[in-house]
């Protein structure tokens, strides 16, 4: 299971974003992955 852009499950995304730093969140979309917890996707 992965949470992607457009997924309505915003609450889970917010909980996982809390595990990332503010700086990391600012770099792009935070993509949630059960294996890697949080990985960043560049918007460009």
PDB file of N, CA and C in Angstrom:
ATOM      1  N   UNK A   1       0.839  -1.201   0.000  1.00  0.00           N
ATOM      2  CA  UNK A   1       0.000   0.000   0.000  1.00  0.00           C
ATOM      3  C   UNK A   1       0.873   1.250   0.000  1.00  0.00           C
ATOM      4  N   UNK A   2       0.546   2.164  -0.875  1.00  0.00           N
ATOM      5  CA  UNK A   2       1.245   3.447  -0.878  1.00  0.00           C
ATOM      6  C   UNK A   2       0.230   4.568  -0.994  1.00  0.00           C
ATOM      7  N   UNK A   3       0.521   5.656  -0.316  1.00  0.00           N
ATOM      8  CA  UNK A   3      -0.366   6.817  -0.363  1.00  0.00           C
ATOM      9  C   UNK A   3       0.203   7.797  -1.374  1.00  0.00           C
ATOM     10  N   UNK A   4      -0.556   8.068  -2.413  1.00  0.00           N
ATOM     11  CA  UNK A   4      -0.062   8.922  -3.481  1.00  0.00           C
ATOM     12  C   UNK A   4      -0.853  10.212  -3.542  1.00  0.00           C
ATOM     13  N   UNK A   5      -0.357  11.138  -4.346  1.00  0.00           N
ATOM     14  CA  UNK A   5      -1.039  12.410  -4.551  1.00  0.00           C
ATOM     15  C   UNK A   5      -2.471  12.142  -5.003  1.00  0.00           C
ATOM     16  N   UNK A   6      -3.435  12.777  -4.350  1.00  0.00           N
ATOM     17  CA  UNK A   6      -4.830  12.587  -4.711  1.00  0.00           C
ATOM     18  C   UNK A   6      -5.542  11.605  -3.789  1.00  0.00           C
ATOM     19  N   UNK A   7      -4.802  10.895  -2.969  1.00  0.00           N
ATOM     20  CA  UNK A   7      -5.419   9.970  -2.023  1.00  0.00           C
ATOM     21  C   UNK A   7      -6.158  10.763  -0.949  1.00  0.00           C
ATOM     22  N   UNK A   8      -7.348  10.311  -0.608  1.00  0.00           N
ATOM     23  CA  UNK A   8      -8.178  11.038   0.354  1.00  0.00           C
ATOM     24  C   UNK A   8      -7.770  10.774   1.803  1.00  0.00           C
ATOM     25  N   UNK A   9      -6.836   9.868   2.003  1.00  0.00           N
ATOM     26  CA  UNK A   9      -6.435   9.487   3.361  1.00  0.00           C
ATOM     27  C   UNK A   9      -5.444  10.494   3.945  1.00  0.00           C
ATOM     28  N   UNK A  10      -5.895  11.739   4.074  1.00  0.00           N
ATOM     29  CA  UNK A  10      -5.018  12.822   4.507  1.00  0.00           C
ATOM     30  C   UNK A  10      -4.520  12.679   5.937  1.00  0.00           C
ATOM     31  N   UNK A  11      -5.316  12.073   6.813  1.00  0.00           N
ATOM     32  CA  UNK A  11      -4.914  11.961   8.216  1.00  0.00           C
ATOM     33  C   UNK A  11      -3.669  11.098   8.373  1.00  0.00           C
ATOM     34  N   UNK A  12      -3.613   9.980   7.664  1.00  0.00           N
ATOM     35  CA  UNK A  12      -2.438   9.119   7.746  1.00  0.00           C
ATOM     36  C   UNK A  12      -1.206   9.823   7.202  1.00  0.00           C
ATOM     37  N   UNK A  13      -1.392  10.594   6.122  1.00  0.00           N
ATOM     38  CA  UNK A  13      -0.278  11.353   5.557  1.00  0.00           C
ATOM     39  C   UNK A  13       0.269  12.331   6.593  1.00  0.00           C
ATOM     40  N   UNK A  14      -0.608  13.044   7.272  1.00  0.00           N
ATOM     41  CA  UNK A  14      -0.173  14.015   8.278  1.00  0.00           C
ATOM     42  C   UNK A  14       0.593  13.338   9.414  1.00  0.00           C
ATOM     43  N   UNK A  15       0.149  12.169   9.831  1.00  0.00           N
ATOM     44  CA  UNK A  15       0.835  11.457  10.899  1.00  0.00           C
ATOM     45  C   UNK A  15       2.252  11.075  10.485  1.00  0.00           C
ATOM     46  N   UNK A  16       2.415  10.626   9.233  1.00  0.00           N
ATOM     47  CA  UNK A  16       3.739  10.234   8.764  1.00  0.00           C
ATOM     48  C   UNK A  16       4.627  11.441   8.508  1.00  0.00           C
ATOM     49  N   UNK A  17       4.036  12.538   8.030  1.00  0.00           N
ATOM     50  CA  UNK A  17       4.803  13.765   7.819  1.00  0.00           C
ATOM     51  C   UNK A  17       5.420  14.245   9.130  1.00  0.00           C
ATOM     52  N   UNK A  18       4.734  14.012  10.233  1.00  0.00           N
ATOM     53  CA  UNK A  18       5.256  14.389  11.543  1.00  0.00           C
ATOM     54  C   UNK A  18       6.597  13.705  11.836  1.00  0.00           C
ATOM     55  N   UNK A  19       6.843  12.559  11.190  1.00  0.00           N
ATOM     56  CA  UNK A  19       8.098  11.838  11.384  1.00  0.00           C
ATOM     57  C   UNK A  19       9.231  12.430  10.548  1.00  0.00           C
ATOM     58  N   UNK A  20       8.884  13.175   9.520  1.00  0.00           N
ATOM     59  CA  UNK A  20       9.886  13.843   8.685  1.00  0.00           C
ATOM     60  C   UNK A  20      10.167  15.227   9.263  1.00  0.00           C
ATOM     61  N   UNK A  21      11.251  15.827   8.832  1.00  0.00           N
ATOM     62  CA  UNK A  21      11.557  17.175   9.303  1.00  0.00           C
ATOM     63  C   UNK A  21      10.820  18.198   8.466  1.00  0.00           C
ATOM     64  N   UNK A  22      10.655  19.392   9.009  1.00  0.00           N
ATOM     65  CA  UNK A  22      10.015  20.475   8.266  1.00  0.00           C
ATOM     66  C   UNK A  22      10.765  20.734   6.957  1.00  0.00           C
ATOM     67  N   UNK A  23      12.071  20.670   7.006  1.00  0.00           N
ATOM     68  CA  UNK A  23      12.893  20.911   5.817  1.00  0.00           C
ATOM     69  C   UNK A  23      12.610  19.871   4.737  1.00  0.00           C
ATOM     70  N   UNK A  24      12.531  18.611   5.130  1.00  0.00           N
ATOM     71  CA  UNK A  24      12.250  17.546   4.169  1.00  0.00           C
ATOM     72  C   UNK A  24      10.878  17.708   3.532  1.00  0.00           C
ATOM     73  N   UNK A  25       9.900  18.072   4.326  1.00  0.00           N
ATOM     74  CA  UNK A  25       8.546  18.267   3.820  1.00  0.00           C
ATOM     75  C   UNK A  25       8.512  19.378   2.769  1.00  0.00           C
ATOM     76  N   UNK A  26       9.332  20.403   2.973  1.00  0.00           N
ATOM     77  CA  UNK A  26       9.372  21.524   2.044  1.00  0.00           C
ATOM     78  C   UNK A  26       9.992  21.197   0.691  1.00  0.00           C
ATOM     79  N   UNK A  27      10.716  20.085   0.616  1.00  0.00           N
ATOM     80  CA  UNK A  27      11.424  19.734  -0.620  1.00  0.00           C
ATOM     81  C   UNK A  27      10.500  19.159  -1.683  1.00  0.00           C
ATOM     82  N   UNK A  28       9.386  18.584  -1.304  1.00  0.00           N
ATOM     83  CA  UNK A  28       8.496  17.979  -2.290  1.00  0.00           C
ATOM     84  C   UNK A  28       7.406  17.179  -1.613  1.00  0.00           C
ATOM     85  N   UNK A  29       6.745  16.357  -2.385  1.00  0.00           N
ATOM     86  CA  UNK A  29       5.690  15.510  -1.834  1.00  0.00           C
ATOM     87  C   UNK A  29       6.322  14.455  -0.932  1.00  0.00           C
ATOM     88  N   UNK A  30       5.757  14.283   0.240  1.00  0.00           N
ATOM     89  CA  UNK A  30       6.186  13.198   1.110  1.00  0.00           C
ATOM     90  C   UNK A  30       5.353  11.972   0.762  1.00  0.00           C
ATOM     91  N   UNK A  31       6.028  10.956   0.277  1.00  0.00           N
ATOM     92  CA  UNK A  31       5.346   9.735  -0.148  1.00  0.00           C
ATOM     93  C   UNK A  31       5.496   8.676   0.945  1.00  0.00           C
ATOM     94  N   UNK A  32       4.382   8.111   1.373  1.00  0.00           N
ATOM     95  CA  UNK A  32       4.398   7.143   2.460  1.00  0.00           C
ATOM     96  C   UNK A  32       4.580   5.729   1.907  1.00  0.00           C
ATOM     97  N   UNK A  33       5.531   5.015   2.462  1.00  0.00           N
ATOM     98  CA  UNK A  33       5.785   3.642   2.046  1.00  0.00           C
ATOM     99  C   UNK A  33       5.963   2.790   3.304  1.00  0.00           C
ATOM    100  N   UNK A  34       5.234   1.678   3.420  1.00  0.00           N
ATOM    101  CA  UNK A  34       5.309   0.859   4.640  1.00  0.00           C
ATOM    102  C   UNK A  34       6.702   0.278   4.882  1.00  0.00           C
ATOM    103  N   UNK A  35       7.492   0.134   3.821  1.00  0.00           N
ATOM    104  CA  UNK A  35       8.837  -0.412   3.943  1.00  0.00           C
ATOM    105  C   UNK A  35       9.845   0.652   4.362  1.00  0.00           C
ATOM    106  N   UNK A  36       9.668   1.858   3.865  1.00  0.00           N
ATOM    107  CA  UNK A  36      10.655   2.908   4.081  1.00  0.00           C
ATOM    108  C   UNK A  36      10.116   4.076   4.897  1.00  0.00           C
ATOM    109  N   UNK A  37       8.904   3.943   5.421  1.00  0.00           N
ATOM    110  CA  UNK A  37       8.201   4.974   6.179  1.00  0.00           C
ATOM    111  C   UNK A  37       7.961   6.242   5.365  1.00  0.00           C
ATOM    112  N   UNK A  38       8.989   7.021   5.154  1.00  0.00           N
ATOM    113  CA  UNK A  38       8.829   8.292   4.440  1.00  0.00           C
ATOM    114  C   UNK A  38       9.921   8.433   3.391  1.00  0.00           C
ATOM    115  N   UNK A  39       9.513   8.673   2.175  1.00  0.00           N
ATOM    116  CA  UNK A  39      10.496   9.002   1.143  1.00  0.00           C
ATOM    117  C   UNK A  39       9.970  10.169   0.323  1.00  0.00           C
ATOM    118  N   UNK A  40      10.874  10.983  -0.164  1.00  0.00           N
ATOM    119  CA  UNK A  40      10.475  12.220  -0.824  1.00  0.00           C
ATOM    120  C   UNK A  40      10.414  12.052  -2.333  1.00  0.00           C
ATOM    121  N   UNK A  41       9.408  12.683  -2.905  1.00  0.00           N
ATOM    122  CA  UNK A  41       9.264  12.697  -4.359  1.00  0.00           C
ATOM    123  C   UNK A  41       9.375  14.139  -4.832  1.00  0.00           C
ATOM    124  N   UNK A  42      10.248  14.378  -5.777  1.00  0.00           N
ATOM    125  CA  UNK A  42      10.432  15.727  -6.300  1.00  0.00           C
ATOM    126  C   UNK A  42       9.259  16.088  -7.198  1.00  0.00           C
ATOM    127  N   UNK A  43       8.706  17.292  -7.008  1.00  0.00           N
ATOM    128  CA  UNK A  43       7.569  17.729  -7.808  1.00  0.00           C
ATOM    129  C   UNK A  43       7.938  17.975  -9.270  1.00  0.00           C
ATOM    130  N   UNK A  44       9.196  18.286  -9.540  1.00  0.00           N
ATOM    131  CA  UNK A  44       9.616  18.563 -10.914  1.00  0.00           C
ATOM    132  C   UNK A  44       9.999  17.256 -11.612  1.00  0.00           C
TER     133      UNK A  44
END
